[in-house]
Protein backbone atom coordinates (compact mmCIF):
# COMPACT_ATOMS: atom_id res chain seq x y z
CA MET A 1 -12.35 -21.75 66.97
CA PRO A 2 -11.02 -21.98 70.55
CA ARG A 3 -11.87 -24.80 72.94
CA THR A 4 -14.68 -24.29 75.47
CA LEU A 5 -15.91 -25.91 78.69
CA PHE A 6 -19.28 -26.66 77.12
CA VAL A 7 -19.15 -30.16 75.63
CA GLU A 8 -21.59 -29.51 72.78
CA LEU A 9 -19.92 -26.24 71.77
CA ASN A 10 -16.49 -27.82 72.04
CA ALA A 11 -17.51 -30.68 69.72
CA ALA A 12 -18.94 -28.19 67.22
CA ALA A 13 -15.76 -26.09 67.38
CA GLN A 14 -13.55 -29.12 66.77
CA ALA A 15 -15.70 -30.17 63.81
CA PHE A 16 -15.52 -26.64 62.40
CA ASN A 17 -11.74 -26.50 62.81
CA ALA A 18 -11.38 -29.89 61.10
CA MET A 19 -13.50 -28.61 58.21
CA VAL A 20 -11.30 -25.50 57.85
CA VAL A 21 -8.16 -27.63 57.72
CA GLY A 22 -9.79 -29.88 55.12
CA LEU A 23 -10.81 -26.90 52.98
CA ARG A 24 -7.28 -25.49 53.13
CA TRP A 25 -5.93 -28.78 51.83
CA PHE A 26 -8.72 -28.96 49.25
CA GLU A 27 -7.89 -25.57 47.77
CA THR A 28 -4.33 -26.72 47.05
CA TYR A 29 -5.73 -29.39 44.72
CA VAL A 30 -8.70 -27.53 43.22
CA PRO A 31 -8.09 -23.98 41.91
CA ARG A 32 -9.86 -21.57 44.26
CA LYS A 33 -10.55 -19.07 41.47
CA LEU A 34 -12.17 -21.78 39.35
CA VAL A 35 -14.61 -22.74 42.11
CA GLN A 36 -15.46 -19.07 42.69
CA ARG A 37 -16.14 -18.60 38.98
CA LEU A 38 -18.35 -21.68 38.76
CA VAL A 39 -20.42 -20.68 41.76
CA GLY A 40 -20.49 -17.01 40.78
CA HIS A 41 -21.85 -17.73 37.32
CA GLY A 42 -24.65 -19.87 38.69
CA GLU A 43 -23.77 -22.87 36.50
CA TRP A 44 -22.89 -25.19 39.37
CA ASP A 45 -25.59 -27.79 40.06
CA ALA A 46 -25.43 -27.98 43.86
CA ALA A 47 -27.85 -30.93 44.02
CA LYS A 48 -25.69 -33.05 41.72
CA GLY A 49 -22.40 -31.50 42.79
CA ALA A 50 -21.52 -31.10 39.12
CA MET A 51 -20.92 -28.65 36.32
CA PRO A 52 -23.12 -29.40 33.28
CA SER A 53 -21.06 -30.11 30.14
CA LYS A 54 -21.53 -27.79 27.19
CA GLU A 55 -19.83 -26.74 23.97
CA ARG A 56 -17.79 -23.56 24.11
CA THR A 57 -15.29 -21.74 21.88
CA VAL A 58 -12.01 -21.31 23.75
CA THR A 59 -8.28 -20.79 23.33
CA VAL A 60 -6.09 -23.59 24.66
CA MET A 61 -2.46 -23.34 25.76
CA PHE A 62 0.13 -26.04 26.35
CA ALA A 63 3.41 -24.90 27.90
CA ASP A 64 6.16 -27.49 28.23
CA ILE A 65 9.72 -27.24 29.57
CA ALA A 66 12.23 -28.01 26.81
CA GLY A 67 14.73 -30.78 27.59
CA PHE A 68 13.27 -31.45 31.01
CA THR A 69 13.81 -35.23 30.97
CA THR A 70 17.55 -34.84 30.36
CA MET A 71 17.79 -32.13 33.01
CA ALA A 72 15.85 -34.16 35.60
CA GLU A 73 18.21 -37.12 35.21
CA LYS A 74 21.08 -34.99 36.54
CA LEU A 75 19.30 -33.53 39.56
CA PRO A 76 18.23 -35.00 42.92
CA ALA A 77 14.46 -35.47 43.24
CA PRO A 78 13.99 -32.62 45.78
CA GLU A 79 15.71 -30.18 43.41
CA VAL A 80 13.51 -31.33 40.53
CA ALA A 81 10.39 -30.75 42.63
CA ALA A 82 11.59 -27.32 43.74
CA LEU A 83 12.40 -26.34 40.15
CA LEU A 84 8.97 -27.43 38.91
CA ASN A 85 7.13 -25.67 41.72
CA ARG A 86 8.93 -22.39 41.03
CA HIS A 87 8.36 -22.72 37.27
CA PHE A 88 4.68 -23.61 37.63
CA GLY A 89 4.19 -20.67 39.97
CA LEU A 90 5.65 -18.30 37.38
CA VAL A 91 3.61 -19.71 34.48
CA THR A 92 0.37 -19.90 36.49
CA ALA A 93 0.69 -16.26 37.56
CA CYS A 94 0.94 -15.15 33.91
CA ILE A 95 -2.07 -17.29 32.92
CA GLU A 96 -4.30 -16.14 35.77
CA ALA A 97 -3.33 -12.49 35.22
CA GLU A 98 -5.11 -12.80 31.86
CA GLY A 99 -8.16 -14.50 33.38
CA GLY A 100 -7.13 -17.98 32.25
CA THR A 101 -7.97 -21.30 33.89
CA VAL A 102 -5.11 -23.68 34.65
CA ASP A 103 -6.58 -27.06 33.72
CA LYS A 104 -3.83 -29.37 34.90
CA PHE A 105 -0.12 -30.02 35.30
CA ILE A 106 1.09 -32.90 33.14
CA GLY A 107 4.59 -33.83 34.20
CA ASP A 108 6.55 -30.68 33.36
CA ALA A 109 3.79 -29.22 31.18
CA VAL A 110 0.91 -26.85 31.94
CA MET A 111 -2.47 -26.99 30.17
CA ALA A 112 -4.67 -23.89 30.39
CA PHE A 113 -7.58 -22.30 28.58
CA TRP A 114 -9.55 -19.08 28.15
CA GLY A 115 -13.25 -18.73 27.39
CA ALA A 116 -14.69 -20.91 30.17
CA PRO A 117 -16.33 -21.09 32.63
CA GLU A 118 -17.13 -17.44 31.90
CA LYS A 119 -17.34 -16.42 28.26
CA GLN A 120 -14.47 -14.21 27.12
CA LYS A 121 -14.85 -12.71 23.66
CA ASP A 122 -11.14 -11.88 23.63
CA HIS A 123 -10.02 -15.36 24.71
CA ALA A 124 -7.47 -15.60 21.89
CA ALA A 125 -5.91 -12.24 22.73
CA ARG A 126 -5.74 -13.21 26.40
CA GLY A 127 -3.94 -16.44 25.53
CA CYS A 128 -1.43 -14.62 23.33
CA ARG A 129 -0.75 -11.98 25.97
CA ALA A 130 -0.21 -14.70 28.57
CA ALA A 131 2.28 -16.46 26.26
CA LEU A 132 4.23 -13.23 25.77
CA ALA A 133 4.14 -12.59 29.54
CA ILE A 134 5.56 -16.07 30.17
CA ALA A 135 8.33 -15.39 27.65
CA GLU A 136 9.18 -12.11 29.37
CA ALA A 137 9.11 -13.73 32.82
CA MET A 138 11.43 -16.49 31.63
CA ARG A 139 13.87 -13.90 30.26
CA ARG A 140 13.81 -12.01 33.57
CA GLU A 141 14.62 -15.23 35.39
CA GLY A 142 17.81 -15.43 33.35
CA GLY A 143 18.03 -19.18 33.88
CA THR A 144 18.76 -22.00 31.51
CA LEU A 145 15.20 -23.33 31.36
CA GLY A 146 13.60 -23.33 27.92
CA ILE A 147 9.88 -23.52 27.24
CA ARG A 148 7.67 -24.35 24.27
CA ILE A 149 4.15 -22.91 24.09
CA GLY A 150 1.35 -24.00 21.75
CA LEU A 151 -1.89 -22.03 21.23
CA HIS A 152 -5.01 -22.97 19.31
CA SER A 153 -8.61 -21.72 19.33
CA GLY A 154 -11.77 -23.63 18.56
CA ASP A 155 -14.75 -25.52 19.91
CA VAL A 156 -14.46 -27.90 22.88
CA VAL A 157 -16.73 -29.70 25.31
CA VAL A 158 -16.24 -28.19 28.76
CA GLY A 159 -17.55 -29.52 32.04
CA ASN A 160 -17.09 -32.38 34.48
CA ILE A 161 -15.18 -35.21 32.80
CA GLY A 162 -14.12 -38.40 34.57
CA ALA A 163 -15.31 -41.46 36.43
CA PRO A 164 -17.97 -41.60 39.19
CA GLY A 165 -16.46 -40.15 42.34
CA ARG A 166 -13.44 -38.69 40.53
CA VAL A 167 -14.06 -35.93 38.01
CA ASN A 168 -12.24 -32.86 36.75
CA TYR A 169 -13.60 -29.62 35.37
CA THR A 170 -11.80 -29.77 32.05
CA ILE A 171 -12.10 -29.48 28.28
CA VAL A 172 -11.89 -32.17 25.60
CA GLY A 173 -11.91 -32.18 21.83
CA ASP A 174 -9.84 -31.72 18.69
CA THR A 175 -8.91 -28.16 19.70
CA VAL A 176 -7.10 -29.48 22.77
CA ASN A 177 -5.18 -32.08 20.77
CA THR A 178 -4.19 -29.51 18.15
CA ALA A 179 -2.82 -27.07 20.75
CA ASN A 180 -0.72 -29.90 22.16
CA ARG A 181 0.63 -30.80 18.70
CA LEU A 182 1.53 -27.16 18.02
CA GLU A 183 3.53 -27.07 21.25
CA GLN A 184 5.43 -30.14 20.09
CA LEU A 185 5.99 -28.50 16.69
CA GLY A 186 8.05 -25.92 18.58
CA LYS A 187 10.86 -28.48 18.79
CA SER A 188 11.65 -27.76 15.14
CA ILE A 189 11.74 -23.95 15.53
CA ASP A 190 15.10 -22.21 15.87
CA ASN A 191 14.20 -19.01 17.69
CA ALA A 192 16.05 -16.37 19.66
CA GLY A 193 16.29 -17.00 23.38
CA ASN A 194 14.89 -19.97 25.25
CA VAL A 195 11.16 -19.52 24.50
CA VAL A 196 9.25 -20.78 21.45
CA VAL A 197 5.60 -19.79 20.95
CA VAL A 198 3.68 -21.52 18.15
CA MET A 199 0.07 -20.64 17.36
CA SER A 200 -2.49 -21.62 14.77
CA GLY A 201 -3.71 -19.23 12.11
CA VAL A 202 -7.10 -19.37 13.81
CA THR A 203 -5.66 -18.01 17.06
CA ARG A 204 -3.58 -15.39 15.29
CA GLN A 205 -6.60 -14.05 13.42
CA ALA A 206 -8.90 -14.21 16.44
CA SER A 207 -6.43 -12.38 18.70
CA LYS A 208 -6.88 -9.19 16.63
CA PHE A 209 -3.63 -7.58 17.69
CA ASP A 210 -0.30 -7.24 15.98
CA LEU A 211 2.23 -9.92 16.83
CA PRO A 212 5.81 -10.27 15.52
CA VAL A 213 5.10 -13.66 13.92
CA LYS A 214 6.52 -15.62 11.03
CA SER A 215 4.61 -18.20 9.03
CA ILE A 216 5.55 -21.85 9.29
CA GLY A 217 3.11 -22.59 6.49
CA ARG A 218 0.45 -25.27 6.42
CA VAL A 219 1.48 -28.23 8.53
CA ASP A 220 0.24 -31.75 9.17
CA VAL A 221 -0.95 -32.38 12.70
CA ARG A 222 -0.42 -35.90 13.94
CA GLY A 223 -3.72 -37.68 14.58
CA ARG A 224 -5.73 -35.05 12.72
CA GLN A 225 -7.02 -35.00 9.17
CA GLY A 226 -6.06 -32.03 7.01
CA GLN A 227 -3.46 -29.34 7.54
CA ILE A 228 -3.56 -26.17 9.61
CA GLU A 229 -1.77 -22.86 9.18
CA ALA A 230 0.83 -22.24 11.88
CA PHE A 231 2.94 -19.29 12.99
CA TYR A 232 5.67 -18.71 15.56
CA VAL A 233 6.49 -15.55 17.46
CA ASP A 234 9.74 -14.07 16.16
CA PHE A 235 11.50 -12.75 19.25
CA ARG A 236 14.29 -11.41 17.05
CA SER A 237 11.96 -8.68 15.76
C-alpha cells in the first residue's frame, strides 16, 4: 500500500506492507498448496493453530540423488546449491502435478506422500506416475545426475509433529521407514539409464496399472521385522 499524509493510515499501510513481505518469505518455507489444502478441507484448528494428528493410508516416496556426496566434493558451494535447487524444482513439479505433498528436503533427497491431507483413493497410482514422470524429466535433462526412488504404501500417523513452537505437518511410521529403505535398495539395482525406481509389492498391487517391473523377490528391510516383496521398474522394456 502507498504512503499517505494521514498518520494513522500511514501506520496501518506500513504494517500491512510488512505483513505481506513476511507472508512472501513464509510461503518459501511452508508449501503454499499444503496450507490451502489444510484450510480448504476444514481440518485446521484455528484456535490451536494446529492440524490434528490421525491415521491415514498413504503412499510415500523418497527420491535421492545417486553419488551426490562424491559429486559435491568436486564443486564449489554455489554450484552445489544451484544444482540442488534446479533438481528439486524438477522433482517437486512432477510430485505436485500428481497431487502429492512434498514433506521435506533431506540433504539431496526429497520425501513426499500422497493420500493426505485430502484422501486420494488412487494414492499409489499417483506416486507411481510421479516416479515415471521424474524418470522422464531426468532423461530429458540429459545430464549426468542419477536418482534412486523408493515407493511404499501403508498406514502412517499424519499431522503436526515436533516440539512446542516448532512443528511440521508430516507423516511418521513404519511405512515411511520402509519407503526410505527401498530407495536405498536401489543402490544394488543395475538398470538402464540413470534412474532406479524400487517399489514394494503393496504399492505395485495398489497402483492398479501395468508397469514394466521385475521382481527383486522378498527382501529384508533394515530395522524392520519380516521381509517384504520388492520390484523395480525395468526401463529396458
